[in-house]
Amino acid sequence: MPVSPEELVRLLALLAQEENLKVTVKETMKGGAMAGAGAVIGGFCGGPVGIAVGGTLGGMMARWKYKGNNRPLTDVLPEMTKEQRDQLHEQCQPVLRDYIDDDFISMSRLMNNDGEFRERLVQSLKTFVTETMKLQLCVELLTRGKAE
């Protein structure tokens, strides 16, 4: 039985968790406005030095207010509409068609054992998230302790 869109979303959620994929909630314009407002207020109060101080303080307040606006992709995927799930399923079809295993358990095993399959799924997911859902992926570098 072929993998359904719902099963594919579950599989990709596992993959996103293992890859630590996160999306950024864009608040850039609001943060910039806060920094600019701080610079203007600082300029009125303290002249040229006030502009620098106000801009710095406004930027720091924006950073504090919008800190933590990264969400794990595993939280975003289950919230997708049926249409989005179907679109994601269609986008992954070129990857899925190349493999005979077509049920959830076989695909999850294949995802863990076949690096090329895994990478192609990750790339399809990233493309869907950035181009179709118009979300921005953020990269978090993890340090992994390896025995040498």
N, C-alpha and C. Protein backbone atom coordinates (compact mmCIF):
# COMPACT_ATOMS: atom_id res chain seq x y z
N MET A 1 0.85 -1.18 0.00
CA MET A 1 0.00 0.00 0.00
C MET A 1 0.89 1.24 0.00
N PRO A 2 0.70 2.15 -0.94
CA PRO A 2 1.54 3.35 -1.02
C PRO A 2 1.41 4.24 0.22
N VAL A 3 2.44 5.02 0.43
CA VAL A 3 2.45 5.96 1.56
C VAL A 3 1.44 7.06 1.30
N SER A 4 0.54 7.27 2.24
CA SER A 4 -0.47 8.34 2.10
C SER A 4 0.17 9.68 2.45
N PRO A 5 -0.49 10.79 2.08
CA PRO A 5 0.05 12.11 2.46
C PRO A 5 0.22 12.26 3.97
N GLU A 6 -0.70 11.69 4.75
CA GLU A 6 -0.59 11.79 6.21
C GLU A 6 0.60 11.00 6.74
N GLU A 7 0.82 9.81 6.18
CA GLU A 7 1.98 9.01 6.60
C GLU A 7 3.28 9.68 6.18
N LEU A 8 3.27 10.30 5.00
CA LEU A 8 4.47 11.00 4.54
C LEU A 8 4.79 12.17 5.46
N VAL A 9 3.77 12.88 5.91
CA VAL A 9 4.00 14.00 6.84
C VAL A 9 4.59 13.47 8.14
N ARG A 10 4.10 12.33 8.64
CA ARG A 10 4.67 11.72 9.85
C ARG A 10 6.14 11.35 9.63
N LEU A 11 6.42 10.75 8.48
CA LEU A 11 7.78 10.35 8.15
C LEU A 11 8.70 11.58 8.06
N LEU A 12 8.22 12.61 7.39
CA LEU A 12 9.02 13.83 7.25
C LEU A 12 9.17 14.58 8.57
N ALA A 13 8.19 14.46 9.45
CA ALA A 13 8.32 15.07 10.78
C ALA A 13 9.43 14.39 11.57
N LEU A 14 9.51 13.05 11.46
CA LEU A 14 10.62 12.33 12.10
C LEU A 14 11.96 12.79 11.53
N LEU A 15 12.00 12.94 10.23
CA LEU A 15 13.22 13.38 9.56
C LEU A 15 13.59 14.80 9.99
N ALA A 16 12.61 15.68 10.04
CA ALA A 16 12.86 17.07 10.45
C ALA A 16 13.37 17.14 11.88
N GLN A 17 12.84 16.26 12.73
CA GLN A 17 13.30 16.23 14.13
C GLN A 17 14.75 15.75 14.20
N GLU A 18 15.07 14.70 13.45
CA GLU A 18 16.44 14.19 13.46
C GLU A 18 17.43 15.19 12.87
N GLU A 19 16.98 15.95 11.88
CA GLU A 19 17.85 16.94 11.23
C GLU A 19 17.83 18.28 11.95
N ASN A 20 16.99 18.42 12.99
CA ASN A 20 16.85 19.64 13.76
C ASN A 20 16.48 20.84 12.87
N LEU A 21 15.52 20.62 11.97
CA LEU A 21 15.08 21.69 11.08
C LEU A 21 14.10 22.60 11.80
N LYS A 22 14.32 23.90 11.66
CA LYS A 22 13.45 24.89 12.29
C LYS A 22 13.12 25.96 11.27
N VAL A 23 11.97 26.59 11.46
CA VAL A 23 11.58 27.70 10.61
C VAL A 23 11.58 28.97 11.43
N THR A 24 11.83 30.06 10.77
CA THR A 24 11.89 31.35 11.42
C THR A 24 10.59 32.09 11.19
N VAL A 25 10.01 32.60 12.25
CA VAL A 25 8.86 33.48 12.13
C VAL A 25 9.43 34.86 11.86
N LYS A 26 9.10 35.40 10.71
CA LYS A 26 9.73 36.66 10.29
C LYS A 26 9.15 37.84 11.05
N GLU A 27 10.00 38.53 11.76
CA GLU A 27 9.63 39.72 12.50
C GLU A 27 10.65 40.83 12.21
N THR A 28 11.33 40.72 11.08
CA THR A 28 12.41 41.64 10.76
C THR A 28 11.93 43.08 10.66
N MET A 29 10.79 43.28 10.01
CA MET A 29 10.30 44.65 9.83
C MET A 29 9.96 45.30 11.17
N LYS A 30 9.33 44.55 12.05
CA LYS A 30 8.98 45.09 13.36
C LYS A 30 10.24 45.41 14.16
N GLY A 31 11.22 44.54 14.10
CA GLY A 31 12.47 44.77 14.82
C GLY A 31 13.19 46.01 14.29
N GLY A 32 13.21 46.15 12.97
CA GLY A 32 13.83 47.33 12.36
C GLY A 32 13.11 48.61 12.75
N ALA A 33 11.78 48.54 12.81
CA ALA A 33 11.00 49.71 13.21
C ALA A 33 11.31 50.10 14.66
N MET A 34 11.48 49.08 15.51
CA MET A 34 11.81 49.38 16.91
C MET A 34 13.18 50.05 17.02
N ALA A 35 14.15 49.54 16.28
CA ALA A 35 15.49 50.13 16.32
C ALA A 35 15.45 51.55 15.77
N GLY A 36 14.70 51.76 14.70
CA GLY A 36 14.58 53.10 14.11
C GLY A 36 13.88 54.07 15.05
N ALA A 37 12.82 53.61 15.70
CA ALA A 37 12.11 54.46 16.65
C ALA A 37 13.02 54.83 17.82
N GLY A 38 13.82 53.87 18.26
CA GLY A 38 14.77 54.17 19.33
C GLY A 38 15.78 55.22 18.91
N ALA A 39 16.24 55.15 17.66
CA ALA A 39 17.20 56.13 17.15
C ALA A 39 16.57 57.52 17.07
N VAL A 40 15.32 57.60 16.62
CA VAL A 40 14.64 58.90 16.51
C VAL A 40 14.43 59.51 17.89
N ILE A 41 13.93 58.70 18.82
CA ILE A 41 13.71 59.21 20.18
C ILE A 41 15.04 59.62 20.80
N GLY A 42 16.06 58.80 20.62
CA GLY A 42 17.38 59.16 21.14
C GLY A 42 17.92 60.43 20.52
N GLY A 43 17.66 60.63 19.22
CA GLY A 43 18.10 61.84 18.54
C GLY A 43 17.43 63.08 19.10
N PHE A 44 16.13 62.99 19.39
CA PHE A 44 15.42 64.12 19.98
C PHE A 44 15.96 64.45 21.36
N CYS A 45 16.29 63.43 22.12
CA CYS A 45 16.72 63.64 23.50
C CYS A 45 18.20 63.97 23.63
N GLY A 46 19.05 63.42 22.77
CA GLY A 46 20.47 63.57 23.00
C GLY A 46 21.30 63.94 21.79
N GLY A 47 20.67 64.36 20.70
CA GLY A 47 21.43 64.76 19.52
C GLY A 47 22.10 63.56 18.86
N PRO A 48 23.26 63.79 18.23
CA PRO A 48 23.94 62.72 17.50
C PRO A 48 24.31 61.51 18.37
N VAL A 49 24.75 61.76 19.58
CA VAL A 49 25.08 60.66 20.47
C VAL A 49 23.80 59.90 20.86
N GLY A 50 22.71 60.62 21.03
CA GLY A 50 21.43 60.01 21.38
C GLY A 50 20.92 59.09 20.28
N ILE A 51 21.24 59.44 19.01
CA ILE A 51 20.82 58.58 17.90
C ILE A 51 21.50 57.21 18.03
N ALA A 52 22.79 57.22 18.30
CA ALA A 52 23.53 55.97 18.44
C ALA A 52 23.03 55.16 19.63
N VAL A 53 22.86 55.84 20.76
CA VAL A 53 22.41 55.15 21.96
C VAL A 53 20.98 54.64 21.78
N GLY A 54 20.09 55.48 21.25
CA GLY A 54 18.70 55.08 21.04
C GLY A 54 18.57 53.94 20.04
N GLY A 55 19.35 53.98 18.95
CA GLY A 55 19.32 52.90 17.96
C GLY A 55 19.81 51.59 18.56
N THR A 56 20.85 51.69 19.36
CA THR A 56 21.38 50.48 20.02
C THR A 56 20.36 49.90 20.99
N LEU A 57 19.79 50.77 21.82
CA LEU A 57 18.79 50.29 22.79
C LEU A 57 17.54 49.75 22.09
N GLY A 58 17.10 50.42 21.02
CA GLY A 58 15.95 49.94 20.25
C GLY A 58 16.22 48.58 19.63
N GLY A 59 17.42 48.39 19.10
CA GLY A 59 17.81 47.10 18.53
C GLY A 59 17.86 46.00 19.58
N MET A 60 18.38 46.35 20.75
CA MET A 60 18.44 45.36 21.83
C MET A 60 17.04 44.99 22.32
N MET A 61 16.14 45.97 22.38
CA MET A 61 14.77 45.67 22.80
C MET A 61 14.08 44.79 21.76
N ALA A 62 14.33 45.07 20.48
CA ALA A 62 13.73 44.25 19.42
C ALA A 62 14.24 42.82 19.52
N ARG A 63 15.51 42.65 19.76
CA ARG A 63 16.10 41.31 19.90
C ARG A 63 15.47 40.57 21.08
N TRP A 64 15.28 41.27 22.18
CA TRP A 64 14.68 40.66 23.36
C TRP A 64 13.22 40.28 23.09
N LYS A 65 12.48 41.19 22.45
CA LYS A 65 11.05 40.95 22.23
C LYS A 65 10.81 39.81 21.25
N TYR A 66 11.61 39.70 20.21
CA TYR A 66 11.36 38.71 19.17
C TYR A 66 12.26 37.49 19.28
N LYS A 67 12.95 37.37 20.39
CA LYS A 67 13.80 36.21 20.62
C LYS A 67 12.94 34.94 20.72
N GLY A 68 13.44 33.87 20.17
CA GLY A 68 12.73 32.60 20.28
C GLY A 68 11.62 32.43 19.26
N ASN A 69 11.67 33.14 18.15
CA ASN A 69 10.65 33.00 17.13
C ASN A 69 10.97 31.91 16.12
N ASN A 70 11.84 31.01 16.49
CA ASN A 70 12.11 29.83 15.67
C ASN A 70 11.25 28.70 16.18
N ARG A 71 10.58 28.04 15.25
CA ARG A 71 9.74 26.91 15.62
C ARG A 71 10.28 25.65 14.97
N PRO A 72 10.27 24.54 15.68
CA PRO A 72 10.68 23.30 15.05
C PRO A 72 9.72 22.96 13.90
N LEU A 73 10.28 22.47 12.83
CA LEU A 73 9.45 22.09 11.68
C LEU A 73 8.48 20.98 12.07
N THR A 74 8.83 20.20 13.09
CA THR A 74 7.93 19.14 13.55
C THR A 74 6.64 19.71 14.12
N ASP A 75 6.64 20.97 14.56
CA ASP A 75 5.41 21.63 15.03
C ASP A 75 4.59 22.17 13.87
N VAL A 76 5.27 22.55 12.80
CA VAL A 76 4.61 23.18 11.65
C VAL A 76 3.94 22.13 10.75
N LEU A 77 4.59 21.01 10.54
CA LEU A 77 4.07 20.00 9.62
C LEU A 77 2.68 19.49 9.99
N PRO A 78 2.40 19.15 11.24
CA PRO A 78 1.05 18.66 11.57
C PRO A 78 -0.04 19.72 11.39
N GLU A 79 0.33 20.99 11.37
CA GLU A 79 -0.64 22.08 11.23
C GLU A 79 -1.01 22.35 9.77
N MET A 80 -0.38 21.64 8.84
CA MET A 80 -0.65 21.87 7.42
C MET A 80 -2.08 21.48 7.06
N THR A 81 -2.63 22.17 6.08
CA THR A 81 -3.96 21.84 5.58
C THR A 81 -3.87 20.57 4.72
N LYS A 82 -5.01 20.00 4.42
CA LYS A 82 -5.04 18.82 3.57
C LYS A 82 -4.45 19.13 2.20
N GLU A 83 -4.72 20.30 1.68
CA GLU A 83 -4.19 20.70 0.38
C GLU A 83 -2.66 20.77 0.42
N GLN A 84 -2.11 21.32 1.50
CA GLN A 84 -0.67 21.40 1.64
C GLN A 84 -0.05 20.01 1.77
N ARG A 85 -0.71 19.12 2.49
CA ARG A 85 -0.21 17.75 2.61
C ARG A 85 -0.19 17.06 1.25
N ASP A 86 -1.26 17.29 0.49
CA ASP A 86 -1.31 16.70 -0.86
C ASP A 86 -0.22 17.28 -1.75
N GLN A 87 0.03 18.58 -1.64
CA GLN A 87 1.10 19.22 -2.42
C GLN A 87 2.46 18.65 -2.03
N LEU A 88 2.69 18.48 -0.74
CA LEU A 88 3.95 17.92 -0.27
C LEU A 88 4.11 16.49 -0.77
N HIS A 89 3.04 15.72 -0.71
CA HIS A 89 3.06 14.34 -1.20
C HIS A 89 3.42 14.33 -2.68
N GLU A 90 2.83 15.23 -3.45
CA GLU A 90 3.12 15.32 -4.89
C GLU A 90 4.57 15.73 -5.13
N GLN A 91 5.07 16.67 -4.33
CA GLN A 91 6.45 17.13 -4.49
C GLN A 91 7.45 16.01 -4.21
N CYS A 92 7.12 15.12 -3.29
CA CYS A 92 8.03 14.03 -2.93
C CYS A 92 7.90 12.81 -3.84
N GLN A 93 6.94 12.80 -4.72
CA GLN A 93 6.72 11.64 -5.58
C GLN A 93 7.94 11.25 -6.41
N PRO A 94 8.69 12.20 -7.00
CA PRO A 94 9.89 11.77 -7.75
C PRO A 94 10.88 10.99 -6.89
N VAL A 95 10.98 11.33 -5.62
CA VAL A 95 11.88 10.60 -4.71
C VAL A 95 11.28 9.24 -4.38
N LEU A 96 10.00 9.22 -4.06
CA LEU A 96 9.34 7.98 -3.64
C LEU A 96 9.24 6.97 -4.77
N ARG A 97 9.06 7.45 -6.00
CA ARG A 97 8.91 6.53 -7.14
C ARG A 97 10.15 5.71 -7.41
N ASP A 98 11.31 6.23 -7.03
CA ASP A 98 12.57 5.53 -7.31
C ASP A 98 12.80 4.33 -6.38
N TYR A 99 11.93 4.15 -5.40
CA TYR A 99 12.13 3.08 -4.43
C TYR A 99 10.92 2.16 -4.41
N ILE A 100 11.18 0.87 -4.34
CA ILE A 100 10.11 -0.13 -4.36
C ILE A 100 9.34 -0.11 -3.05
N ASP A 101 10.04 0.09 -1.93
CA ASP A 101 9.37 0.09 -0.63
C ASP A 101 8.38 1.24 -0.60
N ASP A 102 7.13 0.94 -0.34
CA ASP A 102 6.16 2.01 -0.41
C ASP A 102 5.18 2.04 0.77
N ASP A 103 5.53 1.39 1.87
CA ASP A 103 4.73 1.55 3.07
C ASP A 103 5.54 2.30 4.11
N PHE A 104 4.85 2.77 5.14
CA PHE A 104 5.47 3.64 6.13
C PHE A 104 6.67 2.99 6.81
N ILE A 105 6.53 1.76 7.25
CA ILE A 105 7.61 1.09 7.98
C ILE A 105 8.82 0.88 7.08
N SER A 106 8.60 0.44 5.86
CA SER A 106 9.71 0.23 4.93
C SER A 106 10.40 1.55 4.60
N MET A 107 9.61 2.60 4.41
CA MET A 107 10.19 3.91 4.10
C MET A 107 10.99 4.45 5.28
N SER A 108 10.51 4.26 6.50
CA SER A 108 11.27 4.75 7.65
C SER A 108 12.57 3.99 7.82
N ARG A 109 12.55 2.67 7.55
CA ARG A 109 13.81 1.91 7.58
C ARG A 109 14.76 2.40 6.50
N LEU A 110 14.21 2.60 5.32
CA LEU A 110 15.03 3.07 4.19
C LEU A 110 15.62 4.45 4.49
N MET A 111 14.82 5.30 5.13
CA MET A 111 15.29 6.64 5.48
C MET A 111 16.49 6.56 6.43
N ASN A 112 16.49 5.58 7.32
CA ASN A 112 17.58 5.44 8.28
C ASN A 112 18.80 4.75 7.70
N ASN A 113 18.62 3.96 6.65
CA ASN A 113 19.73 3.16 6.12
C ASN A 113 20.30 3.66 4.80
N ASP A 114 19.58 4.49 4.09
CA ASP A 114 20.01 4.94 2.77
C ASP A 114 20.22 6.46 2.80
N GLY A 115 21.47 6.87 2.84
CA GLY A 115 21.81 8.29 2.93
C GLY A 115 21.32 9.10 1.76
N GLU A 116 21.37 8.54 0.56
CA GLU A 116 20.91 9.27 -0.63
C GLU A 116 19.40 9.51 -0.57
N PHE A 117 18.65 8.47 -0.21
CA PHE A 117 17.20 8.61 -0.08
C PHE A 117 16.86 9.67 0.96
N ARG A 118 17.53 9.59 2.08
CA ARG A 118 17.31 10.55 3.17
C ARG A 118 17.59 11.98 2.71
N GLU A 119 18.71 12.16 2.03
CA GLU A 119 19.09 13.50 1.58
C GLU A 119 18.10 14.04 0.55
N ARG A 120 17.62 13.18 -0.32
CA ARG A 120 16.64 13.61 -1.32
C ARG A 120 15.32 14.01 -0.65
N LEU A 121 14.92 13.27 0.38
CA LEU A 121 13.71 13.63 1.13
C LEU A 121 13.90 14.97 1.86
N VAL A 122 15.05 15.15 2.49
CA VAL A 122 15.33 16.42 3.18
C VAL A 122 15.27 17.57 2.19
N GLN A 123 15.86 17.40 1.02
CA GLN A 123 15.87 18.46 0.02
C GLN A 123 14.45 18.76 -0.47
N SER A 124 13.65 17.73 -0.70
CA SER A 124 12.26 17.94 -1.12
C SER A 124 11.48 18.70 -0.04
N LEU A 125 11.68 18.32 1.21
CA LEU A 125 11.01 18.99 2.32
C LEU A 125 11.43 20.45 2.41
N LYS A 126 12.73 20.72 2.33
CA LYS A 126 13.23 22.10 2.40
C LYS A 126 12.67 22.94 1.25
N THR A 127 12.64 22.38 0.06
CA THR A 127 12.11 23.10 -1.09
C THR A 127 10.64 23.42 -0.88
N PHE A 128 9.88 22.46 -0.40
CA PHE A 128 8.45 22.68 -0.17
C PHE A 128 8.23 23.77 0.87
N VAL A 129 8.97 23.70 1.97
CA VAL A 129 8.79 24.66 3.06
C VAL A 129 9.13 26.07 2.61
N THR A 130 10.23 26.22 1.86
CA THR A 130 10.66 27.56 1.46
C THR A 130 9.88 28.11 0.28
N GLU A 131 9.56 27.27 -0.70
CA GLU A 131 8.92 27.78 -1.91
C GLU A 131 7.40 27.76 -1.84
N THR A 132 6.82 26.71 -1.30
CA THR A 132 5.37 26.59 -1.28
C THR A 132 4.77 27.24 -0.04
N MET A 133 5.34 26.94 1.12
CA MET A 133 4.80 27.49 2.37
C MET A 133 5.35 28.89 2.66
N LYS A 134 6.37 29.30 1.92
CA LYS A 134 6.99 30.62 2.07
C LYS A 134 7.51 30.86 3.49
N LEU A 135 8.09 29.81 4.08
CA LEU A 135 8.72 29.93 5.39
C LEU A 135 10.22 29.93 5.20
N GLN A 136 10.91 30.51 6.14
CA GLN A 136 12.36 30.58 6.07
C GLN A 136 12.94 29.56 7.03
N LEU A 137 13.79 28.69 6.50
CA LEU A 137 14.48 27.72 7.35
C LEU A 137 15.64 28.41 8.04
N CYS A 138 15.85 28.08 9.29
CA CYS A 138 17.02 28.61 9.98
C CYS A 138 17.95 27.44 10.27
N VAL A 139 19.20 27.74 10.27
CA VAL A 139 20.21 26.71 10.47
C VAL A 139 20.76 26.86 11.87
N GLU A 140 20.70 25.80 12.62
CA GLU A 140 21.31 25.79 13.95
C GLU A 140 22.40 24.75 13.93
N LEU A 141 23.58 25.20 14.18
CA LEU A 141 24.70 24.27 14.19
C LEU A 141 24.76 23.58 15.54
N LEU A 142 24.80 22.29 15.50
CA LEU A 142 24.89 21.51 16.73
C LEU A 142 26.30 20.94 16.82
N THR A 143 26.82 20.98 18.00
CA THR A 143 28.11 20.34 18.19
C THR A 143 27.84 18.95 18.71
N ARG A 144 28.36 18.00 18.01
CA ARG A 144 28.15 16.61 18.40
C ARG A 144 29.47 16.06 18.90
N GLY A 145 29.41 15.47 20.06
CA GLY A 145 30.61 14.87 20.63
C GLY A 145 30.88 13.54 19.94
N LYS A 146 32.04 13.43 19.34
CA LYS A 146 32.41 12.19 18.66
C LYS A 146 33.68 11.65 19.28
N ALA A 147 33.68 10.38 19.50
CA ALA A 147 34.89 9.73 20.02
C ALA A 147 35.88 9.59 18.89
N GLU A 148 37.07 10.04 19.10
CA GLU A 148 38.08 9.96 18.05
C GLU A 148 39.17 9.00 18.41
